[in-house]
Amino acid sequence: LPAGTITVPIDLPSGTITVPIDLPSGTITVPIDLPTGTITVPIDLPTGTITVPIDLPT
């Protein structure tokens, strides 16, 4: 997977979403506690650092 972001649409009241990625580390599991919206998950390569900023109305 090229460096960049994965944008994951969420239409769940609560729970978790699993984001499969094409890296040796496997998958990213992103816990959510939001009514609706999206989570953008930037993936910084080659370090593989992952941050999960949440930019949603509350």
Protein backbone atom coordinates (compact mmCIF):
# COMPACT_ATOMS: atom_id res chain seq x y z
CA LEU A 1 0.00 0.00 0.00
CA PRO A 2 1.43 3.40 -0.97
CA ALA A 3 1.88 6.02 1.71
CA GLY A 4 -1.29 8.03 2.15
CA THR A 5 -4.57 7.60 3.90
CA ILE A 6 -7.42 5.16 4.14
CA THR A 7 -10.82 6.76 4.56
CA VAL A 8 -13.31 4.47 6.22
CA PRO A 9 -17.01 5.32 6.13
CA ILE A 10 -18.83 4.47 9.36
CA ASP A 11 -22.54 3.91 9.67
CA LEU A 12 -22.53 2.03 12.95
CA PRO A 13 -23.83 3.14 16.36
CA SER A 14 -20.81 1.65 18.12
CA GLY A 15 -18.27 -1.13 18.07
CA THR A 16 -15.13 -1.58 16.02
CA ILE A 17 -14.07 -1.58 12.41
CA THR A 18 -11.24 -3.62 10.96
CA VAL A 19 -9.23 -2.04 8.17
CA PRO A 20 -7.26 -4.57 6.13
CA ILE A 21 -3.99 -3.19 4.77
CA ASP A 22 -1.36 -4.58 2.45
CA LEU A 23 1.49 -4.61 4.93
CA PRO A 24 3.36 -7.39 6.79
CA SER A 25 1.87 -6.15 10.06
CA GLY A 26 -1.53 -7.42 8.93
CA THR A 27 -4.53 -5.29 9.78
CA ILE A 28 -5.42 -2.13 11.63
CA THR A 29 -8.19 -2.51 14.18
CA VAL A 30 -9.86 0.82 14.87
CA PRO A 31 -12.19 1.00 17.87
CA ILE A 32 -15.03 3.48 17.36
CA ASP A 33 -17.55 5.08 19.68
CA LEU A 34 -19.27 7.39 17.26
CA PRO A 35 -22.79 7.71 15.86
CA THR A 36 -21.85 8.35 12.21
CA GLY A 37 -19.19 9.86 10.01
CA THR A 38 -15.76 8.77 8.87
CA ILE A 39 -12.36 7.99 10.33
CA THR A 40 -9.30 8.83 8.31
CA VAL A 41 -6.31 6.63 9.06
CA PRO A 42 -2.99 8.03 7.82
CA ILE A 43 -0.28 5.42 7.30
CA ASP A 44 3.28 6.72 7.37
CA LEU A 45 5.66 4.46 5.47
CA PRO A 46 8.23 3.02 5.67
CA THR A 47 8.08 3.42 9.45
CA GLY A 48 4.57 1.99 9.54
CA THR A 49 3.48 4.58 12.07
CA ILE A 50 -0.28 4.79 12.25
CA THR A 51 -2.30 7.64 13.71
CA VAL A 52 -6.06 7.87 13.98
CA PRO A 53 -7.28 11.47 14.02
CA ILE A 54 -11.03 11.90 14.45
CA ASP A 55 -12.54 14.93 12.79
CA LEU A 56 -16.29 14.61 13.29
CA PRO A 57 -19.17 16.63 14.69
CA THR A 58 -19.99 15.51 18.22
